[in-house]
């Protein structure tokens, strides 16, 4: 007598094979999307910083000298993108630019 309610070894191998194939197909797509999400996140941070520069000008009547000044006074929480690969900086013309550190 044996337990007929459990999986056989062959059934388990088939299930593991199917899961493996699905992972092989899905993971490369997730890696591509991750880069796209990081790029959009950096762009969003730059747009937010641009808005905060305008808020700083409204409060102080002058342009900030640097992003560090916005950080020190609490207008921004960070100048680094989520993945840490890029930062925002204030250009000499007063525009926000994304640069690699």
PDB file of N, CA and C in Angstrom:
ATOM      1  N   UNK A   1       0.826  -1.175   0.000  1.00  0.00           N
ATOM      2  CA  UNK A   1       0.000   0.000   0.000  1.00  0.00           C
ATOM      3  C   UNK A   1       0.878   1.249   0.000  1.00  0.00           C
ATOM      4  N   UNK A   2       0.479   2.210  -0.800  1.00  0.00           N
ATOM      5  CA  UNK A   2       1.206   3.459  -0.875  1.00  0.00           C
ATOM      6  C   UNK A   2       0.197   4.607  -0.952  1.00  0.00           C
ATOM      7  N   UNK A   3       0.670   5.813  -0.669  1.00  0.00           N
ATOM      8  CA  UNK A   3      -0.177   6.992  -0.614  1.00  0.00           C
ATOM      9  C   UNK A   3      -0.423   7.506  -2.030  1.00  0.00           C
ATOM     10  N   UNK A   4      -1.656   7.484  -2.501  1.00  0.00           N
ATOM     11  CA  UNK A   4      -1.980   7.921  -3.850  1.00  0.00           C
ATOM     12  C   UNK A   4      -2.331   9.402  -3.913  1.00  0.00           C
ATOM     13  N   UNK A   5      -2.309  10.102  -2.774  1.00  0.00           N
ATOM     14  CA  UNK A   5      -2.705  11.500  -2.751  1.00  0.00           C
ATOM     15  C   UNK A   5      -1.541  12.437  -3.046  1.00  0.00           C
ATOM     16  N   UNK A   6      -0.319  11.981  -2.976  1.00  0.00           N
ATOM     17  CA  UNK A   6       0.845  12.846  -3.159  1.00  0.00           C
ATOM     18  C   UNK A   6       1.270  12.936  -4.616  1.00  0.00           C
ATOM     19  N   UNK A   7       2.237  13.842  -4.882  1.00  0.00           N
ATOM     20  CA  UNK A   7       2.807  13.986  -6.214  1.00  0.00           C
ATOM     21  C   UNK A   7       3.854  12.905  -6.441  1.00  0.00           C
ATOM     22  N   UNK A   8       3.944  12.472  -7.680  1.00  0.00           N
ATOM     23  CA  UNK A   8       5.032  11.559  -8.030  1.00  0.00           C
ATOM     24  C   UNK A   8       6.256  12.397  -8.382  1.00  0.00           C
ATOM     25  N   UNK A   9       7.386  11.758  -8.457  1.00  0.00           N
ATOM     26  CA  UNK A   9       8.614  12.453  -8.793  1.00  0.00           C
ATOM     27  C   UNK A   9       8.524  13.079 -10.185  1.00  0.00           C
ATOM     28  N   UNK A  10       7.946  12.394 -11.121  1.00  0.00           N
ATOM     29  CA  UNK A  10       7.798  12.896 -12.490  1.00  0.00           C
ATOM     30  C   UNK A  10       6.922  14.148 -12.503  1.00  0.00           C
ATOM     31  N   UNK A  11       5.827  14.143 -11.763  1.00  0.00           N
ATOM     32  CA  UNK A  11       4.953  15.312 -11.712  1.00  0.00           C
ATOM     33  C   UNK A  11       5.682  16.519 -11.124  1.00  0.00           C
ATOM     34  N   UNK A  12       6.464  16.309 -10.093  1.00  0.00           N
ATOM     35  CA  UNK A  12       7.237  17.398  -9.484  1.00  0.00           C
ATOM     36  C   UNK A  12       8.270  17.947 -10.473  1.00  0.00           C
ATOM     37  N   UNK A  13       8.932  17.069 -11.206  1.00  0.00           N
ATOM     38  CA  UNK A  13       9.915  17.523 -12.184  1.00  0.00           C
ATOM     39  C   UNK A  13       9.262  18.325 -13.302  1.00  0.00           C
ATOM     40  N   UNK A  14       8.086  17.910 -13.733  1.00  0.00           N
ATOM     41  CA  UNK A  14       7.361  18.644 -14.763  1.00  0.00           C
ATOM     42  C   UNK A  14       6.998  20.042 -14.264  1.00  0.00           C
ATOM     43  N   UNK A  15       6.496  20.140 -13.042  1.00  0.00           N
ATOM     44  CA  UNK A  15       6.135  21.442 -12.463  1.00  0.00           C
ATOM     45  C   UNK A  15       7.369  22.331 -12.344  1.00  0.00           C
ATOM     46  N   UNK A  16       8.471  21.798 -11.853  1.00  0.00           N
ATOM     47  CA  UNK A  16       9.705  22.579 -11.729  1.00  0.00           C
ATOM     48  C   UNK A  16      10.235  23.020 -13.095  1.00  0.00           C
ATOM     49  N   UNK A  17      10.095  22.181 -14.097  1.00  0.00           N
ATOM     50  CA  UNK A  17      10.526  22.542 -15.444  1.00  0.00           C
ATOM     51  C   UNK A  17       9.694  23.698 -15.990  1.00  0.00           C
ATOM     52  N   UNK A  18       8.397  23.631 -15.803  1.00  0.00           N
ATOM     53  CA  UNK A  18       7.511  24.703 -16.272  1.00  0.00           C
ATOM     54  C   UNK A  18       7.835  26.018 -15.567  1.00  0.00           C
ATOM     55  N   UNK A  19       8.036  25.971 -14.262  1.00  0.00           N
ATOM     56  CA  UNK A  19       8.387  27.177 -13.504  1.00  0.00           C
ATOM     57  C   UNK A  19       9.722  27.736 -13.988  1.00  0.00           C
ATOM     58  N   UNK A  20      10.677  26.881 -14.238  1.00  0.00           N
ATOM     59  CA  UNK A  20      11.990  27.326 -14.717  1.00  0.00           C
ATOM     60  C   UNK A  20      11.883  28.002 -16.073  1.00  0.00           C
ATOM     61  N   UNK A  21      11.106  27.426 -16.969  1.00  0.00           N
ATOM     62  CA  UNK A  21      10.930  28.012 -18.302  1.00  0.00           C
ATOM     63  C   UNK A  21      10.272  29.381 -18.200  1.00  0.00           C
ATOM     64  N   UNK A  22       9.261  29.499 -17.353  1.00  0.00           N
ATOM     65  CA  UNK A  22       8.598  30.792 -17.174  1.00  0.00           C
ATOM     66  C   UNK A  22       9.567  31.839 -16.621  1.00  0.00           C
ATOM     67  N   UNK A  23      10.392  31.467 -15.677  1.00  0.00           N
ATOM     68  CA  UNK A  23      11.376  32.398 -15.115  1.00  0.00           C
ATOM     69  C   UNK A  23      12.400  32.834 -16.160  1.00  0.00           C
ATOM     70  N   UNK A  24      12.822  31.893 -16.984  1.00  0.00           N
ATOM     71  CA  UNK A  24      13.788  32.217 -18.039  1.00  0.00           C
ATOM     72  C   UNK A  24      13.177  33.219 -19.025  1.00  0.00           C
ATOM     73  N   UNK A  25      11.890  33.111 -19.286  1.00  0.00           N
ATOM     74  CA  UNK A  25      11.234  34.023 -20.212  1.00  0.00           C
ATOM     75  C   UNK A  25      10.938  35.389 -19.586  1.00  0.00           C
ATOM     76  N   UNK A  26      10.646  35.430 -18.299  1.00  0.00           N
ATOM     77  CA  UNK A  26      10.212  36.664 -17.641  1.00  0.00           C
ATOM     78  C   UNK A  26      11.375  37.524 -17.148  1.00  0.00           C
ATOM     79  N   UNK A  27      12.423  36.948 -16.599  1.00  0.00           N
ATOM     80  CA  UNK A  27      13.496  37.722 -15.978  1.00  0.00           C
ATOM     81  C   UNK A  27      14.191  38.719 -16.902  1.00  0.00           C
ATOM     82  N   UNK A  28      14.516  38.387 -18.145  1.00  0.00           N
ATOM     83  CA  UNK A  28      15.133  39.408 -19.011  1.00  0.00           C
ATOM     84  C   UNK A  28      14.232  40.623 -19.229  1.00  0.00           C
ATOM     85  N   UNK A  29      12.934  40.405 -19.330  1.00  0.00           N
ATOM     86  CA  UNK A  29      12.000  41.517 -19.497  1.00  0.00           C
ATOM     87  C   UNK A  29      11.974  42.403 -18.259  1.00  0.00           C
ATOM     88  N   UNK A  30      12.075  41.815 -17.087  1.00  0.00           N
ATOM     89  CA  UNK A  30      12.095  42.600 -15.854  1.00  0.00           C
ATOM     90  C   UNK A  30      13.353  43.456 -15.770  1.00  0.00           C
ATOM     91  N   UNK A  31      14.466  42.935 -16.214  1.00  0.00           N
ATOM     92  CA  UNK A  31      15.719  43.701 -16.193  1.00  0.00           C
ATOM     93  C   UNK A  31      15.622  44.898 -17.129  1.00  0.00           C
ATOM     94  N   UNK A  32      15.012  44.735 -18.282  1.00  0.00           N
ATOM     95  CA  UNK A  32      14.832  45.844 -19.217  1.00  0.00           C
ATOM     96  C   UNK A  32      13.919  46.907 -18.615  1.00  0.00           C
ATOM     97  N   UNK A  33      12.865  46.494 -17.978  1.00  0.00           N
ATOM     98  CA  UNK A  33      11.926  47.436 -17.363  1.00  0.00           C
ATOM     99  C   UNK A  33      12.569  48.175 -16.207  1.00  0.00           C
ATOM    100  N   UNK A  34      13.479  47.545 -15.483  1.00  0.00           N
ATOM    101  CA  UNK A  34      14.136  48.183 -14.348  1.00  0.00           C
ATOM    102  C   UNK A  34      14.906  49.416 -14.800  1.00  0.00           C
ATOM    103  N   UNK A  35      15.622  49.319 -15.890  1.00  0.00           N
ATOM    104  CA  UNK A  35      16.374  50.471 -16.408  1.00  0.00           C
ATOM    105  C   UNK A  35      15.436  51.599 -16.802  1.00  0.00           C
ATOM    106  N   UNK A  36      14.320  51.241 -17.418  1.00  0.00           N
ATOM    107  CA  UNK A  36      13.329  52.243 -17.827  1.00  0.00           C
ATOM    108  C   UNK A  36      12.742  52.951 -16.606  1.00  0.00           C
ATOM    109  N   UNK A  37      12.439  52.198 -15.577  1.00  0.00           N
ATOM    110  CA  UNK A  37      11.886  52.765 -14.345  1.00  0.00           C
ATOM    111  C   UNK A  37      12.899  53.696 -13.687  1.00  0.00           C
ATOM    112  N   UNK A  38      14.171  53.293 -13.649  1.00  0.00           N
ATOM    113  CA  UNK A  38      15.209  54.134 -13.055  1.00  0.00           C
ATOM    114  C   UNK A  38      15.360  55.450 -13.817  1.00  0.00           C
ATOM    115  N   UNK A  39      15.305  55.394 -15.135  1.00  0.00           N
ATOM    116  CA  UNK A  39      15.422  56.599 -15.956  1.00  0.00           C
ATOM    117  C   UNK A  39      14.256  57.547 -15.701  1.00  0.00           C
ATOM    118  N   UNK A  40      13.050  56.997 -15.638  1.00  0.00           N
ATOM    119  CA  UNK A  40      11.875  57.828 -15.368  1.00  0.00           C
ATOM    120  C   UNK A  40      11.937  58.420 -13.963  1.00  0.00           C
ATOM    121  N   UNK A  41      12.469  57.654 -13.012  1.00  0.00           N
ATOM    122  CA  UNK A  41      12.603  58.158 -11.654  1.00  0.00           C
ATOM    123  C   UNK A  41      13.564  59.323 -11.576  1.00  0.00           C
ATOM    124  N   UNK A  42      14.667  59.255 -12.294  1.00  0.00           N
ATOM    125  CA  UNK A  42      15.633  60.355 -12.333  1.00  0.00           C
ATOM    126  C   UNK A  42      15.008  61.595 -12.971  1.00  0.00           C
ATOM    127  N   UNK A  43      14.259  61.397 -14.043  1.00  0.00           N
ATOM    128  CA  UNK A  43      13.589  62.524 -14.695  1.00  0.00           C
ATOM    129  C   UNK A  43      12.579  63.174 -13.760  1.00  0.00           C
ATOM    130  N   UNK A  44      11.856  62.364 -13.014  1.00  0.00           N
ATOM    131  CA  UNK A  44      10.886  62.893 -12.059  1.00  0.00           C
ATOM    132  C   UNK A  44      11.581  63.680 -10.946  1.00  0.00           C
ATOM    133  N   UNK A  45      12.718  63.188 -10.474  1.00  0.00           N
ATOM    134  CA  UNK A  45      13.481  63.904  -9.448  1.00  0.00           C
ATOM    135  C   UNK A  45      13.953  65.253  -9.983  1.00  0.00           C
ATOM    136  N   UNK A  46      14.396  65.290 -11.228  1.00  0.00           N
ATOM    137  CA  UNK A  46      14.845  66.545 -11.831  1.00  0.00           C
ATOM    138  C   UNK A  46      13.690  67.538 -11.963  1.00  0.00           C
ATOM    139  N   UNK A  47      12.516  67.059 -12.357  1.00  0.00           N
ATOM    140  CA  UNK A  47      11.349  67.941 -12.467  1.00  0.00           C
ATOM    141  C   UNK A  47      10.940  68.469 -11.106  1.00  0.00           C
ATOM    142  N   UNK A  48      10.976  67.623 -10.079  1.00  0.00           N
ATOM    143  CA  UNK A  48      10.634  68.055  -8.734  1.00  0.00           C
ATOM    144  C   UNK A  48      11.640  69.097  -8.237  1.00  0.00           C
ATOM    145  N   UNK A  49      12.913  68.875  -8.518  1.00  0.00           N
ATOM    146  CA  UNK A  49      13.945  69.823  -8.103  1.00  0.00           C
ATOM    147  C   UNK A  49      13.740  71.164  -8.799  1.00  0.00           C
ATOM    148  N   UNK A  50      13.326  71.133 -10.055  1.00  0.00           N
ATOM    149  CA  UNK A  50      13.051  72.369 -10.778  1.00  0.00           C
ATOM    150  C   UNK A  50      11.927  73.150 -10.103  1.00  0.00           C
ATOM    151  N   UNK A  51      10.911  72.446  -9.679  1.00  0.00           N
ATOM    152  CA  UNK A  51       9.817  73.085  -8.950  1.00  0.00           C
ATOM    153  C   UNK A  51      10.279  73.647  -7.611  1.00  0.00           C
ATOM    154  N   UNK A  52      11.185  72.937  -6.953  1.00  0.00           N
ATOM    155  CA  UNK A  52      11.697  73.400  -5.672  1.00  0.00           C
ATOM    156  C   UNK A  52      12.611  74.618  -5.840  1.00  0.00           C
ATOM    157  N   UNK A  53      13.298  74.709  -6.962  1.00  0.00           N
ATOM    158  CA  UNK A  53      14.094  75.908  -7.244  1.00  0.00           C
ATOM    159  C   UNK A  53      13.152  77.109  -7.361  1.00  0.00           C
ATOM    160  N   UNK A  54      12.033  76.922  -8.031  1.00  0.00           N
ATOM    161  CA  UNK A  54      11.058  78.006  -8.158  1.00  0.00           C
ATOM    162  C   UNK A  54      10.494  78.392  -6.795  1.00  0.00           C
ATOM    163  N   UNK A  55      10.236  77.403  -5.936  1.00  0.00           N
ATOM    164  CA  UNK A  55       9.749  77.689  -4.589  1.00  0.00           C
ATOM    165  C   UNK A  55      10.793  78.465  -3.793  1.00  0.00           C
ATOM    166  N   UNK A  56      12.054  78.086  -3.961  1.00  0.00           N
ATOM    167  CA  UNK A  56      13.148  78.792  -3.283  1.00  0.00           C
ATOM    168  C   UNK A  56      13.195  80.251  -3.734  1.00  0.00           C
ATOM    169  N   UNK A  57      13.058  80.477  -5.033  1.00  0.00           N
ATOM    170  CA  UNK A  57      13.072  81.841  -5.567  1.00  0.00           C
ATOM    171  C   UNK A  57      11.907  82.645  -5.000  1.00  0.00           C
ATOM    172  N   UNK A  58      10.737  82.038  -4.907  1.00  0.00           N
ATOM    173  CA  UNK A  58       9.580  82.736  -4.336  1.00  0.00           C
ATOM    174  C   UNK A  58       9.817  83.096  -2.874  1.00  0.00           C
ATOM    175  N   UNK A  59      10.450  82.194  -2.118  1.00  0.00           N
ATOM    176  CA  UNK A  59      10.688  82.438  -0.697  1.00  0.00           C
ATOM    177  C   UNK A  59      11.816  83.432  -0.451  1.00  0.00           C
ATOM    178  N   UNK A  60      12.885  83.377  -1.249  1.00  0.00           N
ATOM    179  CA  UNK A  60      14.085  84.156  -0.960  1.00  0.00           C
ATOM    180  C   UNK A  60      14.338  85.306  -1.934  1.00  0.00           C
ATOM    181  N   UNK A  61      13.678  85.313  -3.083  1.00  0.00           N
ATOM    182  CA  UNK A  61      13.860  86.368  -4.056  1.00  0.00           C
ATOM    183  C   UNK A  61      15.107  86.239  -4.905  1.00  0.00           C
ATOM    184  N   UNK A  62      15.842  85.156  -4.758  1.00  0.00           N
ATOM    185  CA  UNK A  62      17.064  84.938  -5.523  1.00  0.00           C
ATOM    186  C   UNK A  62      17.207  83.451  -5.832  1.00  0.00           C
ATOM    187  N   UNK A  63      18.001  83.156  -6.860  1.00  0.00           N
ATOM    188  CA  UNK A  63      18.244  81.753  -7.211  1.00  0.00           C
ATOM    189  C   UNK A  63      19.176  81.111  -6.190  1.00  0.00           C
ATOM    190  N   UNK A  64      18.997  79.807  -5.932  1.00  0.00           N
ATOM    191  CA  UNK A  64      19.950  79.112  -5.043  1.00  0.00           C
ATOM    192  C   UNK A  64      21.305  78.967  -5.730  1.00  0.00           C
ATOM    193  N   UNK A  65      22.356  78.899  -4.924  1.00  0.00           N
ATOM    194  CA  UNK A  65      23.703  78.751  -5.471  1.00  0.00           C
ATOM    195  C   UNK A  65      23.962  77.336  -5.987  1.00  0.00           C
ATOM    196  N   UNK A  66      23.361  76.347  -5.303  1.00  0.00           N
ATOM    197  CA  UNK A  66      23.610  74.946  -5.667  1.00  0.00           C
ATOM    198  C   UNK A  66      22.496  74.073  -5.135  1.00  0.00           C
ATOM    199  N   UNK A  67      22.536  72.822  -5.529  1.00  0.00           N
ATOM    200  CA  UNK A  67      21.581  71.845  -5.011  1.00  0.00           C
ATOM    201  C   UNK A  67      21.803  71.647  -3.511  1.00  0.00           C
ATOM    202  N   UNK A  68      23.051  71.755  -3.069  1.00  0.00           N
ATOM    203  CA  UNK A  68      23.357  71.594  -1.642  1.00  0.00           C
ATOM    204  C   UNK A  68      22.587  72.604  -0.804  1.00  0.00           C
ATOM    205  N   UNK A  69      22.405  73.794  -1.314  1.00  0.00           N
ATOM    206  CA  UNK A  69      21.650  74.805  -0.594  1.00  0.00           C
ATOM    207  C   UNK A  69      20.184  74.389  -0.458  1.00  0.00           C
ATOM    208  N   UNK A  70      19.632  73.801  -1.501  1.00  0.00           N
ATOM    209  CA  UNK A  70      18.250  73.299  -1.429  1.00  0.00           C
ATOM    210  C   UNK A  70      18.139  72.156  -0.433  1.00  0.00           C
ATOM    211  N   UNK A  71      19.162  71.307  -0.385  1.00  0.00           N
ATOM    212  CA  UNK A  71      19.171  70.197   0.567  1.00  0.00           C
ATOM    213  C   UNK A  71      19.256  70.716   1.996  1.00  0.00           C
ATOM    214  N   UNK A  72      20.151  71.672   2.229  1.00  0.00           N
ATOM    215  CA  UNK A  72      20.352  72.206   3.579  1.00  0.00           C
ATOM    216  C   UNK A  72      19.104  72.889   4.129  1.00  0.00           C
ATOM    217  N   UNK A  73      18.370  73.558   3.265  1.00  0.00           N
ATOM    218  CA  UNK A  73      17.199  74.302   3.718  1.00  0.00           C
ATOM    219  C   UNK A  73      15.908  73.489   3.643  1.00  0.00           C
ATOM    220  N   UNK A  74      16.003  72.208   3.284  1.00  0.00           N
ATOM    221  CA  UNK A  74      14.849  71.319   3.322  1.00  0.00           C
ATOM    222  C   UNK A  74      13.945  71.358   2.109  1.00  0.00           C
ATOM    223  N   UNK A  75      14.377  71.984   1.041  1.00  0.00           N
ATOM    224  CA  UNK A  75      13.563  71.992  -0.177  1.00  0.00           C
ATOM    225  C   UNK A  75      13.632  70.643  -0.885  1.00  0.00           C
ATOM    226  N   UNK A  76      14.744  69.949  -0.746  1.00  0.00           N
ATOM    227  CA  UNK A  76      14.922  68.612  -1.309  1.00  0.00           C
ATOM    228  C   UNK A  76      15.419  67.670  -0.222  1.00  0.00           C
ATOM    229  N   UNK A  77      15.054  66.406  -0.344  1.00  0.00           N
ATOM    230  CA  UNK A  77      15.554  65.395   0.596  1.00  0.00           C
ATOM    231  C   UNK A  77      16.820  64.726   0.083  1.00  0.00           C
ATOM    232  N   UNK A  78      16.953  64.642  -1.233  1.00  0.00           N
ATOM    233  CA  UNK A  78      18.118  63.973  -1.813  1.00  0.00           C
ATOM    234  C   UNK A  78      18.444  64.575  -3.167  1.00  0.00           C
ATOM    235  N   UNK A  79      19.697  64.416  -3.570  1.00  0.00           N
ATOM    236  CA  UNK A  79      20.095  64.834  -4.906  1.00  0.00           C
ATOM    237  C   UNK A  79      20.532  63.641  -5.752  1.00  0.00           C
ATOM    238  N   UNK A  80      20.315  62.446  -5.211  1.00  0.00           N
ATOM    239  CA  UNK A  80      20.743  61.217  -5.874  1.00  0.00           C
ATOM    240  C   UNK A  80      19.529  60.418  -6.336  1.00  0.00           C
ATOM    241  N   UNK A  81      19.596  59.903  -7.556  1.00  0.00           N
ATOM    242  CA  UNK A  81      18.517  59.055  -8.074  1.00  0.00           C
ATOM    243  C   UNK A  81      18.427  57.769  -7.250  1.00  0.00           C
ATOM    244  N   UNK A  82      17.308  57.087  -7.361  1.00  0.00           N
ATOM    245  CA  UNK A  82      17.021  55.923  -6.513  1.00  0.00           C
ATOM    246  C   UNK A  82      18.079  54.825  -6.613  1.00  0.00           C
ATOM    247  N   UNK A  83      18.627  54.598  -7.784  1.00  0.00           N
ATOM    248  CA  UNK A  83      19.618  53.531  -7.922  1.00  0.00           C
ATOM    249  C   UNK A  83      21.026  53.998  -7.548  1.00  0.00           C
ATOM    250  N   UNK A  84      21.194  55.276  -7.246  1.00  0.00           N
ATOM    251  CA  UNK A  84      22.488  55.798  -6.829  1.00  0.00           C
ATOM    252  C   UNK A  84      23.473  56.014  -7.957  1.00  0.00           C
ATOM    253  N   UNK A  85      23.057  55.788  -9.196  1.00  0.00           N
ATOM    254  CA  UNK A  85      23.979  55.888 -10.330  1.00  0.00           C
ATOM    255  C   UNK A  85      24.098  57.311 -10.870  1.00  0.00           C
ATOM    256  N   UNK A  86      23.099  58.154 -10.597  1.00  0.00           N
ATOM    257  CA  UNK A  86      23.109  59.510 -11.142  1.00  0.00           C
ATOM    258  C   UNK A  86      22.684  60.505 -10.074  1.00  0.00           C
ATOM    259  N   UNK A  87      23.094  61.756 -10.272  1.00  0.00           N
ATOM    260  CA  UNK A  87      22.734  62.842  -9.375  1.00  0.00           C
ATOM    261  C   UNK A  87      22.179  64.003 -10.175  1.00  0.00           C
ATOM    262  N   UNK A  88      21.469  64.891  -9.476  1.00  0.00           N
ATOM    263  CA  UNK A  88      21.025  66.118 -10.115  1.00  0.00           C
ATOM    264  C   UNK A  88      21.938  67.245  -9.660  1.00  0.00           C
ATOM    265  N   UNK A  89      22.173  68.184 -10.561  1.00  0.00           N
ATOM    266  CA  UNK A  89      22.987  69.354 -10.247  1.00  0.00           C
ATOM    267  C   UNK A  89      22.337  70.589 -10.846  1.00  0.00           C
ATOM    268  N   UNK A  90      22.687  71.718 -10.288  1.00  0.00           N
ATOM    269  CA  UNK A  90      22.212  72.991 -10.796  1.00  0.00           C
ATOM    270  C   UNK A  90      23.268  73.551 -11.745  1.00  0.00           C
ATOM    271  N   UNK A  91      22.892  73.761 -12.996  1.00  0.00           N
ATOM    272  CA  UNK A  91      23.863  74.263 -13.976  1.00  0.00           C
ATOM    273  C   UNK A  91      24.083  75.757 -13.761  1.00  0.00           C
ATOM    274  N   UNK A  92      25.066  76.311 -14.428  1.00  0.00           N
ATOM    275  CA  UNK A  92      25.376  77.735 -14.297  1.00  0.00           C
ATOM    276  C   UNK A  92      24.234  78.613 -14.821  1.00  0.00           C
ATOM    277  N   UNK A  93      23.414  78.064 -15.718  1.00  0.00           N
ATOM    278  CA  UNK A  93      22.270  78.811 -16.240  1.00  0.00           C
ATOM    279  C   UNK A  93      21.026  78.645 -15.371  1.00  0.00           C
ATOM    280  N   UNK A  94      21.140  77.878 -14.283  1.00  0.00           N
ATOM    281  CA  UNK A  94      20.023  77.704 -13.363  1.00  0.00           C
ATOM    282  C   UNK A  94      19.113  76.542 -13.687  1.00  0.00           C
ATOM    283  N   UNK A  95      19.498  75.708 -14.638  1.00  0.00           N
ATOM    284  CA  UNK A  95      18.689  74.549 -15.001  1.00  0.00           C
ATOM    285  C   UNK A  95      19.150  73.323 -14.227  1.00  0.00           C
ATOM    286  N   UNK A  96      18.232  72.398 -13.996  1.00  0.00           N
ATOM    287  CA  UNK A  96      18.557  71.139 -13.326  1.00  0.00           C
ATOM    288  C   UNK A  96      19.022  70.152 -14.384  1.00  0.00           C
ATOM    289  N   UNK A  97      20.187  69.545 -14.144  1.00  0.00           N
ATOM    290  CA  UNK A  97      20.731  68.547 -15.065  1.00  0.00           C
ATOM    291  C   UNK A  97      21.027  67.257 -14.304  1.00  0.00           C
ATOM    292  N   UNK A  98      20.934  66.136 -15.011  1.00  0.00           N
ATOM    293  CA  UNK A  98      21.225  64.824 -14.427  1.00  0.00           C
ATOM    294  C   UNK A  98      22.619  64.421 -14.882  1.00  0.00           C
ATOM    295  N   UNK A  99      23.498  64.097 -13.912  1.00  0.00           N
ATOM    296  CA  UNK A  99      24.878  63.739 -14.233  1.00  0.00           C
ATOM    297  C   UNK A  99      25.265  62.467 -13.512  1.00  0.00           C
ATOM    298  N   UNK A 100      26.265  61.794 -14.015  1.00  0.00           N
ATOM    299  CA  UNK A 100      26.834  60.629 -13.328  1.00  0.00           C
ATOM    300  C   UNK A 100      27.881  61.147 -12.342  1.00  0.00           C
ATOM    301  N   UNK A 101      27.855  60.645 -11.106  1.00  0.00           N
ATOM    302  CA  UNK A 101      28.816  61.146 -10.094  1.00  0.00           C
ATOM    303  C   UNK A 101      30.250  60.741 -10.382  1.00  0.00           C
TER     304      UNK A 101
END
